[in-house]
PDB file of N, CA and C in Angstrom:
ATOM      1  N   MET A   1      76.685  38.360 -24.544  1.00  0.00           N
ATOM      2  CA  MET A   1      76.642  37.593 -25.758  1.00  0.00           C
ATOM      3  C   MET A   1      77.627  38.224 -26.738  1.00  0.00           C
ATOM      4  N   LEU A   2      78.297  37.375 -27.497  1.00  0.00           N
ATOM      5  CA  LEU A   2      79.304  37.848 -28.441  1.00  0.00           C
ATOM      6  C   LEU A   2      79.094  37.173 -29.785  1.00  0.00           C
ATOM      7  N   GLN A   3      79.145  37.949 -30.845  1.00  0.00           N
ATOM      8  CA  GLN A   3      79.111  37.418 -32.199  1.00  0.00           C
ATOM      9  C   GLN A   3      80.437  37.759 -32.858  1.00  0.00           C
ATOM     10  N   VAL A   4      81.041  36.775 -33.522  1.00  0.00           N
ATOM     11  CA  VAL A   4      82.353  36.952 -34.144  1.00  0.00           C
ATOM     12  C   VAL A   4      82.257  36.607 -35.623  1.00  0.00           C
ATOM     13  N   LEU A   5      82.839  37.445 -36.460  1.00  0.00           N
ATOM     14  CA  LEU A   5      82.937  37.183 -37.884  1.00  0.00           C
ATOM     15  C   LEU A   5      84.382  37.404 -38.296  1.00  0.00           C
ATOM     16  N   LYS A   6      85.032  36.361 -38.780  1.00  0.00           N
ATOM     17  CA  LYS A   6      86.411  36.496 -39.242  1.00  0.00           C
ATOM     18  C   LYS A   6      86.417  37.175 -40.602  1.00  0.00           C
ATOM     19  N   THR A   7      87.414  38.031 -40.814  1.00  0.00           N
ATOM     20  CA  THR A   7      87.564  38.729 -42.086  1.00  0.00           C
ATOM     21  C   THR A   7      88.887  38.328 -42.716  1.00  0.00           C
ATOM     22  N   ASP A   8      89.018  38.609 -43.995  1.00  0.00           N
ATOM     23  CA  ASP A   8      90.253  38.270 -44.707  1.00  0.00           C
ATOM     24  C   ASP A   8      91.338  39.309 -44.490  1.00  0.00           C
ATOM     25  N   GLU A   9      90.952  40.498 -44.118  1.00  0.00           N
ATOM     26  CA  GLU A   9      91.906  41.590 -43.934  1.00  0.00           C
ATOM     27  C   GLU A   9      92.661  41.421 -42.615  1.00  0.00           C
ATOM     28  N   GLU A  10      93.863  41.921 -42.571  1.00  0.00           N
ATOM     29  CA  GLU A  10      94.642  41.912 -41.328  1.00  0.00           C
ATOM     30  C   GLU A  10      94.513  43.246 -40.608  1.00  0.00           C
ATOM     31  N   ALA A  11      93.384  43.876 -40.783  1.00  0.00           N
ATOM     32  CA  ALA A  11      93.125  45.158 -40.131  1.00  0.00           C
ATOM     33  C   ALA A  11      92.755  44.930 -38.663  1.00  0.00           C
ATOM     34  N   PRO A  12      92.840  45.960 -37.852  1.00  0.00           N
ATOM     35  CA  PRO A  12      92.405  45.822 -36.454  1.00  0.00           C
ATOM     36  C   PRO A  12      90.928  45.432 -36.382  1.00  0.00           C
ATOM     37  N   ALA A  13      90.551  44.855 -35.277  1.00  0.00           N
ATOM     38  CA  ALA A  13      89.168  44.401 -35.096  1.00  0.00           C
ATOM     39  C   ALA A  13      88.210  45.584 -35.131  1.00  0.00           C
ATOM     40  N   ARG A  14      87.055  45.344 -35.739  1.00  0.00           N
ATOM     41  CA  ARG A  14      85.969  46.319 -35.693  1.00  0.00           C
ATOM     42  C   ARG A  14      84.982  45.811 -34.659  1.00  0.00           C
ATOM     43  N   VAL A  15      84.487  46.702 -33.825  1.00  0.00           N
ATOM     44  CA  VAL A  15      83.642  46.300 -32.708  1.00  0.00           C
ATOM     45  C   VAL A  15      82.360  47.117 -32.697  1.00  0.00           C
ATOM     46  N   GLY A  16      81.250  46.425 -32.448  1.00  0.00           N
ATOM     47  CA  GLY A  16      79.963  47.092 -32.292  1.00  0.00           C
ATOM     48  C   GLY A  16      79.331  46.650 -30.979  1.00  0.00           C
ATOM     49  N   PHE A  17      78.592  47.537 -30.362  1.00  0.00           N
ATOM     50  CA  PHE A  17      77.916  47.249 -29.101  1.00  0.00           C
ATOM     51  C   PHE A  17      76.429  47.498 -29.293  1.00  0.00           C
ATOM     52  N   THR A  18      75.612  46.623 -28.734  1.00  0.00           N
ATOM     53  CA  THR A  18      74.181  46.832 -28.793  1.00  0.00           C
ATOM     54  C   THR A  18      73.544  46.393 -27.479  1.00  0.00           C
ATOM     55  N   VAL A  19      72.618  47.213 -27.013  1.00  0.00           N
ATOM     56  CA  VAL A  19      71.869  46.924 -25.795  1.00  0.00           C
ATOM     57  C   VAL A  19      70.431  47.339 -26.071  1.00  0.00           C
ATOM     58  N   THR A  20      69.496  46.406 -25.954  1.00  0.00           N
ATOM     59  CA  THR A  20      68.107  46.700 -26.295  1.00  0.00           C
ATOM     60  C   THR A  20      67.376  47.406 -25.157  1.00  0.00           C
ATOM     61  N   LYS A  21      66.206  47.925 -25.471  1.00  0.00           N
ATOM     62  CA  LYS A  21      65.392  48.624 -24.479  1.00  0.00           C
ATOM     63  C   LYS A  21      64.877  47.688 -23.398  1.00  0.00           C
ATOM     64  N   LYS A  22      64.926  46.382 -23.627  1.00  0.00           N
ATOM     65  CA  LYS A  22      64.504  45.418 -22.611  1.00  0.00           C
ATOM     66  C   LYS A  22      65.392  45.494 -21.374  1.00  0.00           C
ATOM     67  N   VAL A  23      66.626  45.952 -21.560  1.00  0.00           N
ATOM     68  CA  VAL A  23      67.586  46.031 -20.457  1.00  0.00           C
ATOM     69  C   VAL A  23      67.205  47.141 -19.484  1.00  0.00           C
ATOM     70  N   GLY A  24      66.680  48.240 -19.985  1.00  0.00           N
ATOM     71  CA  GLY A  24      66.299  49.339 -19.099  1.00  0.00           C
ATOM     72  C   GLY A  24      66.258  50.654 -19.845  1.00  0.00           C
ATOM     73  N   ASN A  25      66.224  51.733 -19.084  1.00  0.00           N
ATOM     74  CA  ASN A  25      66.176  53.058 -19.711  1.00  0.00           C
ATOM     75  C   ASN A  25      67.553  53.425 -20.272  1.00  0.00           C
ATOM     76  N   ALA A  26      67.666  54.599 -20.843  1.00  0.00           N
ATOM     77  CA  ALA A  26      68.893  55.016 -21.523  1.00  0.00           C
ATOM     78  C   ALA A  26      70.099  55.026 -20.597  1.00  0.00           C
ATOM     79  N   VAL A  27      69.913  55.430 -19.356  1.00  0.00           N
ATOM     80  CA  VAL A  27      71.018  55.479 -18.401  1.00  0.00           C
ATOM     81  C   VAL A  27      71.566  54.069 -18.159  1.00  0.00           C
ATOM     82  N   VAL A  28      70.681  53.122 -17.966  1.00  0.00           N
ATOM     83  CA  VAL A  28      71.084  51.733 -17.712  1.00  0.00           C
ATOM     84  C   VAL A  28      71.736  51.135 -18.954  1.00  0.00           C
ATOM     85  N   ARG A  29      71.168  51.403 -20.128  1.00  0.00           N
ATOM     86  CA  ARG A  29      71.743  50.849 -21.368  1.00  0.00           C
ATOM     87  C   ARG A  29      73.135  51.418 -21.617  1.00  0.00           C
ATOM     88  N   ASN A  30      73.314  52.722 -21.390  1.00  0.00           N
ATOM     89  CA  ASN A  30      74.630  53.334 -21.602  1.00  0.00           C
ATOM     90  C   ASN A  30      75.650  52.807 -20.604  1.00  0.00           C
ATOM     91  N   ARG A  31      75.242  52.594 -19.366  1.00  0.00           N
ATOM     92  CA  ARG A  31      76.166  52.039 -18.367  1.00  0.00           C
ATOM     93  C   ARG A  31      76.573  50.616 -18.753  1.00  0.00           C
ATOM     94  N   THR A  32      75.619  49.838 -19.238  1.00  0.00           N
ATOM     95  CA  THR A  32      75.915  48.475 -19.691  1.00  0.00           C
ATOM     96  C   THR A  32      76.895  48.512 -20.851  1.00  0.00           C
ATOM     97  N   ARG A  33      76.675  49.419 -21.791  1.00  0.00           N
ATOM     98  CA  ARG A  33      77.573  49.560 -22.947  1.00  0.00           C
ATOM     99  C   ARG A  33      78.975  49.984 -22.506  1.00  0.00           C
ATOM    100  N   ARG A  34      79.059  50.908 -21.552  1.00  0.00           N
ATOM    101  CA  ARG A  34      80.370  51.344 -21.045  1.00  0.00           C
ATOM    102  C   ARG A  34      81.100  50.209 -20.351  1.00  0.00           C
ATOM    103  N   ARG A  35      80.376  49.375 -19.603  1.00  0.00           N
ATOM    104  CA  ARG A  35      81.004  48.231 -18.931  1.00  0.00           C
ATOM    105  C   ARG A  35      81.544  47.237 -19.954  1.00  0.00           C
ATOM    106  N   LEU A  36      80.785  46.976 -21.018  1.00  0.00           N
ATOM    107  CA  LEU A  36      81.258  46.072 -22.074  1.00  0.00           C
ATOM    108  C   LEU A  36      82.494  46.643 -22.763  1.00  0.00           C
ATOM    109  N   ARG A  37      82.469  47.948 -23.032  1.00  0.00           N
ATOM    110  CA  ARG A  37      83.612  48.591 -23.682  1.00  0.00           C
ATOM    111  C   ARG A  37      84.862  48.506 -22.807  1.00  0.00           C
ATOM    112  N   ALA A  38      84.698  48.727 -21.498  1.00  0.00           N
ATOM    113  CA  ALA A  38      85.833  48.645 -20.574  1.00  0.00           C
ATOM    114  C   ALA A  38      86.361  47.216 -20.473  1.00  0.00           C
ATOM    115  N   ALA A  39      85.475  46.240 -20.454  1.00  0.00           N
ATOM    116  CA  ALA A  39      85.900  44.838 -20.385  1.00  0.00           C
ATOM    117  C   ALA A  39      86.666  44.454 -21.648  1.00  0.00           C
ATOM    118  N   LEU A  40      86.186  44.904 -22.806  1.00  0.00           N
ATOM    119  CA  LEU A  40      86.884  44.603 -24.058  1.00  0.00           C
ATOM    120  C   LEU A  40      88.246  45.282 -24.084  1.00  0.00           C
ATOM    121  N   ARG A  41      88.325  46.524 -23.602  1.00  0.00           N
ATOM    122  CA  ARG A  41      89.609  47.217 -23.544  1.00  0.00           C
ATOM    123  C   ARG A  41      90.596  46.449 -22.672  1.00  0.00           C
ATOM    124  N   HIS A  42      90.097  45.922 -21.558  1.00  0.00           N
ATOM    125  CA  HIS A  42      90.931  45.157 -20.626  1.00  0.00           C
ATOM    126  C   HIS A  42      91.438  43.872 -21.287  1.00  0.00           C
ATOM    127  N   VAL A  43      90.585  43.180 -22.001  1.00  0.00           N
ATOM    128  CA  VAL A  43      90.965  41.923 -22.666  1.00  0.00           C
ATOM    129  C   VAL A  43      91.886  42.203 -23.853  1.00  0.00           C
ATOM    130  N   ALA A  44      91.581  43.236 -24.626  1.00  0.00           N
ATOM    131  CA  ALA A  44      92.354  43.532 -25.835  1.00  0.00           C
ATOM    132  C   ALA A  44      93.750  44.047 -25.529  1.00  0.00           C
ATOM    133  N   SER A  45      93.958  44.595 -24.329  1.00  0.00           N
ATOM    134  CA  SER A  45      95.280  45.127 -24.007  1.00  0.00           C
ATOM    135  C   SER A  45      96.340  44.030 -23.960  1.00  0.00           C
ATOM    136  N   GLY A  46      95.951  42.822 -23.615  1.00  0.00           N
ATOM    137  CA  GLY A  46      96.909  41.727 -23.526  1.00  0.00           C
ATOM    138  C   GLY A  46      96.872  40.771 -24.703  1.00  0.00           C
ATOM    139  N   ASN A  47      95.988  41.005 -25.661  1.00  0.00           N
ATOM    140  CA  ASN A  47      95.824  40.096 -26.791  1.00  0.00           C
ATOM    141  C   ASN A  47      95.785  40.880 -28.094  1.00  0.00           C
ATOM    142  N   ASP A  48      96.094  40.187 -29.184  1.00  0.00           N
ATOM    143  CA  ASP A  48      96.036  40.799 -30.503  1.00  0.00           C
ATOM    144  C   ASP A  48      94.697  40.453 -31.145  1.00  0.00           C
ATOM    145  N   LEU A  49      93.841  41.438 -31.259  1.00  0.00           N
ATOM    146  CA  LEU A  49      92.562  41.250 -31.932  1.00  0.00           C
ATOM    147  C   LEU A  49      92.663  41.871 -33.313  1.00  0.00           C
ATOM    148  N   SER A  50      92.772  41.042 -34.322  1.00  0.00           N
ATOM    149  CA  SER A  50      92.810  41.545 -35.689  1.00  0.00           C
ATOM    150  C   SER A  50      92.091  40.550 -36.587  1.00  0.00           C
ATOM    151  N   ALA A  51      91.678  41.025 -37.732  1.00  0.00           N
ATOM    152  CA  ALA A  51      90.989  40.230 -38.744  1.00  0.00           C
ATOM    153  C   ALA A  51      89.664  39.656 -38.237  1.00  0.00           C
ATOM    154  N   VAL A  52      88.981  40.396 -37.365  1.00  0.00           N
ATOM    155  CA  VAL A  52      87.660  39.967 -36.896  1.00  0.00           C
ATOM    156  C   VAL A  52      86.740  41.168 -36.756  1.00  0.00           C
ATOM    157  N   ASP A  53      85.468  40.902 -36.902  1.00  0.00           N
ATOM    158  CA  ASP A  53      84.431  41.860 -36.563  1.00  0.00           C
ATOM    159  C   ASP A  53      83.693  41.295 -35.361  1.00  0.00           C
ATOM    160  N   LEU A  54      83.503  42.113 -34.339  1.00  0.00           N
ATOM    161  CA  LEU A  54      82.866  41.667 -33.107  1.00  0.00           C
ATOM    162  C   LEU A  54      81.609  42.481 -32.840  1.00  0.00           C
ATOM    163  N   VAL A  55      80.577  41.806 -32.348  1.00  0.00           N
ATOM    164  CA  VAL A  55      79.374  42.479 -31.875  1.00  0.00           C
ATOM    165  C   VAL A  55      79.122  41.973 -30.462  1.00  0.00           C
ATOM    166  N   LEU A  56      79.168  42.879 -29.500  1.00  0.00           N
ATOM    167  CA  LEU A  56      78.876  42.538 -28.113  1.00  0.00           C
ATOM    168  C   LEU A  56      77.456  42.984 -27.807  1.00  0.00           C
ATOM    169  N   ILE A  57      76.659  42.041 -27.327  1.00  0.00           N
ATOM    170  CA  ILE A  57      75.257  42.304 -27.036  1.00  0.00           C
ATOM    171  C   ILE A  57      75.073  42.285 -25.525  1.00  0.00           C
ATOM    172  N   GLY A  58      74.686  43.420 -24.988  1.00  0.00           N
ATOM    173  CA  GLY A  58      74.482  43.539 -23.553  1.00  0.00           C
ATOM    174  C   GLY A  58      73.140  42.976 -23.137  1.00  0.00           C
ATOM    175  N   ARG A  59      73.155  42.168 -22.106  1.00  0.00           N
ATOM    176  CA  ARG A  59      71.930  41.590 -21.557  1.00  0.00           C
ATOM    177  C   ARG A  59      71.654  42.208 -20.197  1.00  0.00           C
ATOM    178  N   ASP A  60      70.501  41.894 -19.642  1.00  0.00           N
ATOM    179  CA  ASP A  60      70.117  42.435 -18.345  1.00  0.00           C
ATOM    180  C   ASP A  60      71.100  42.013 -17.258  1.00  0.00           C
ATOM    181  N   SER A  61      71.632  40.802 -17.347  1.00  0.00           N
ATOM    182  CA  SER A  61      72.568  40.315 -16.326  1.00  0.00           C
ATOM    183  C   SER A  61      73.936  40.981 -16.423  1.00  0.00           C
ATOM    184  N   THR A  62      74.248  41.607 -17.548  1.00  0.00           N
ATOM    185  CA  THR A  62      75.532  42.291 -17.718  1.00  0.00           C
ATOM    186  C   THR A  62      75.673  43.442 -16.732  1.00  0.00           C
ATOM    187  N   ARG A  63      74.573  44.085 -16.450  1.00  0.00           N
ATOM    188  CA  ARG A  63      74.573  45.262 -15.585  1.00  0.00           C
ATOM    189  C   ARG A  63      75.066  44.942 -14.177  1.00  0.00           C
ATOM    190  N   GLY A  64      74.634  43.827 -13.601  1.00  0.00           N
ATOM    191  CA  GLY A  64      74.983  43.505 -12.226  1.00  0.00           C
ATOM    192  C   GLY A  64      76.139  42.536 -12.073  1.00  0.00           C
ATOM    193  N   ARG A  65      76.709  42.086 -13.175  1.00  0.00           N
ATOM    194  CA  ARG A  65      77.802  41.103 -13.121  1.00  0.00           C
ATOM    195  C   ARG A  65      79.067  41.768 -12.588  1.00  0.00           C
ATOM    196  N   PRO A  66      79.759  41.140 -11.642  1.00  0.00           N
ATOM    197  CA  PRO A  66      81.037  41.699 -11.179  1.00  0.00           C
ATOM    198  C   PRO A  66      82.010  41.839 -12.353  1.00  0.00           C
ATOM    199  N   PHE A  67      82.795  42.922 -12.340  1.00  0.00           N
ATOM    200  CA  PHE A  67      83.646  43.234 -13.489  1.00  0.00           C
ATOM    201  C   PHE A  67      84.648  42.121 -13.791  1.00  0.00           C
ATOM    202  N   GLY A  68      85.226  41.510 -12.773  1.00  0.00           N
ATOM    203  CA  GLY A  68      86.179  40.420 -12.992  1.00  0.00           C
ATOM    204  C   GLY A  68      85.545  39.247 -13.725  1.00  0.00           C
ATOM    205  N   LYS A  69      84.315  38.927 -13.366  1.00  0.00           N
ATOM    206  CA  LYS A  69      83.611  37.836 -14.045  1.00  0.00           C
ATOM    207  C   LYS A  69      83.211  38.230 -15.455  1.00  0.00           C
ATOM    208  N   LEU A  70      82.876  39.498 -15.641  1.00  0.00           N
ATOM    209  CA  LEU A  70      82.533  39.982 -16.976  1.00  0.00           C
ATOM    210  C   LEU A  70      83.739  39.869 -17.914  1.00  0.00           C
ATOM    211  N   VAL A  71      84.912  40.220 -17.424  1.00  0.00           N
ATOM    212  CA  VAL A  71      86.143  40.102 -18.217  1.00  0.00           C
ATOM    213  C   VAL A  71      86.432  38.628 -18.516  1.00  0.00           C
ATOM    214  N   ALA A  72      86.291  37.766 -17.515  1.00  0.00           N
ATOM    215  CA  ALA A  72      86.531  36.336 -17.714  1.00  0.00           C
ATOM    216  C   ALA A  72      85.546  35.755 -18.725  1.00  0.00           C
ATOM    217  N   ASP A  73      84.286  36.165 -18.652  1.00  0.00           N
ATOM    218  CA  ASP A  73      83.280  35.694 -19.612  1.00  0.00           C
ATOM    219  C   ASP A  73      83.638  36.137 -21.025  1.00  0.00           C
ATOM    220  N   LEU A  74      84.088  37.371 -21.165  1.00  0.00           N
ATOM    221  CA  LEU A  74      84.447  37.888 -22.485  1.00  0.00           C
ATOM    222  C   LEU A  74      85.665  37.154 -23.038  1.00  0.00           C
ATOM    223  N   GLU A  75      86.670  36.901 -22.211  1.00  0.00           N
ATOM    224  CA  GLU A  75      87.841  36.144 -22.657  1.00  0.00           C
ATOM    225  C   GLU A  75      87.433  34.746 -23.117  1.00  0.00           C
ATOM    226  N   HIS A  76      86.565  34.102 -22.341  1.00  0.00           N
ATOM    227  CA  HIS A  76      86.092  32.757 -22.695  1.00  0.00           C
ATOM    228  C   HIS A  76      85.336  32.788 -24.032  1.00  0.00           C
ATOM    229  N   ALA A  77      84.461  33.786 -24.210  1.00  0.00           N
ATOM    230  CA  ALA A  77      83.693  33.893 -25.446  1.00  0.00           C
ATOM    231  C   ALA A  77      84.601  34.168 -26.647  1.00  0.00           C
ATOM    232  N   LEU A  78      85.628  34.994 -26.456  1.00  0.00           N
ATOM    233  CA  LEU A  78      86.555  35.258 -27.560  1.00  0.00           C
ATOM    234  C   LEU A  78      87.356  34.016 -27.933  1.00  0.00           C
ATOM    235  N   LYS A  79      87.760  33.244 -26.932  1.00  0.00           N
ATOM    236  CA  LYS A  79      88.473  31.996 -27.230  1.00  0.00           C
ATOM    237  C   LYS A  79      87.563  30.993 -27.913  1.00  0.00           C
ATOM    238  N   LYS A  80      86.341  30.908 -27.453  1.00  0.00           N
ATOM    239  CA  LYS A  80      85.372  29.984 -28.045  1.00  0.00           C
ATOM    240  C   LYS A  80      85.055  30.402 -29.480  1.00  0.00           C
ATOM    241  N   GLY A  81      84.969  31.708 -29.730  1.00  0.00           N
ATOM    242  CA  GLY A  81      84.726  32.221 -31.064  1.00  0.00           C
ATOM    243  C   GLY A  81      85.991  32.265 -31.903  1.00  0.00           C
ATOM    244  N   GLN A  82      87.098  31.816 -31.350  1.00  0.00           N
ATOM    245  CA  GLN A  82      88.408  31.744 -32.020  1.00  0.00           C
ATOM    246  C   GLN A  82      88.882  33.100 -32.509  1.00  0.00           C
ATOM    247  N   ALA A  83      88.578  34.137 -31.732  1.00  0.00           N
ATOM    248  CA  ALA A  83      89.057  35.473 -32.076  1.00  0.00           C
ATOM    249  C   ALA A  83      90.390  35.763 -31.391  1.00  0.00           C
ATOM    250  N   LEU A  84      90.735  34.982 -30.355  1.00  0.00           N
ATOM    251  CA  LEU A  84      92.029  35.157 -29.661  1.00  0.00           C
ATOM    252  C   LEU A  84      93.010  34.128 -30.145  1.00  0.00           C
TER     253      LEU A  84
END
């Protein structure tokens, strides 16, 4: 899940990650957060993310999702949220 807030500043994007305890123990939540961070790094390397605040919310399905599909989902969500 992705939440996007456009800002007036032309500063680089600010990003926050959140994964609730419903997803699993600390090890599982941290792994989910690392996967989201890596997917965002992969997407941001080819695109200009500026003037937005992003919050990526990790769900239980994020943990087992193949990385290629996770990146594609994130790209789709960023386009839908008009951050790209």
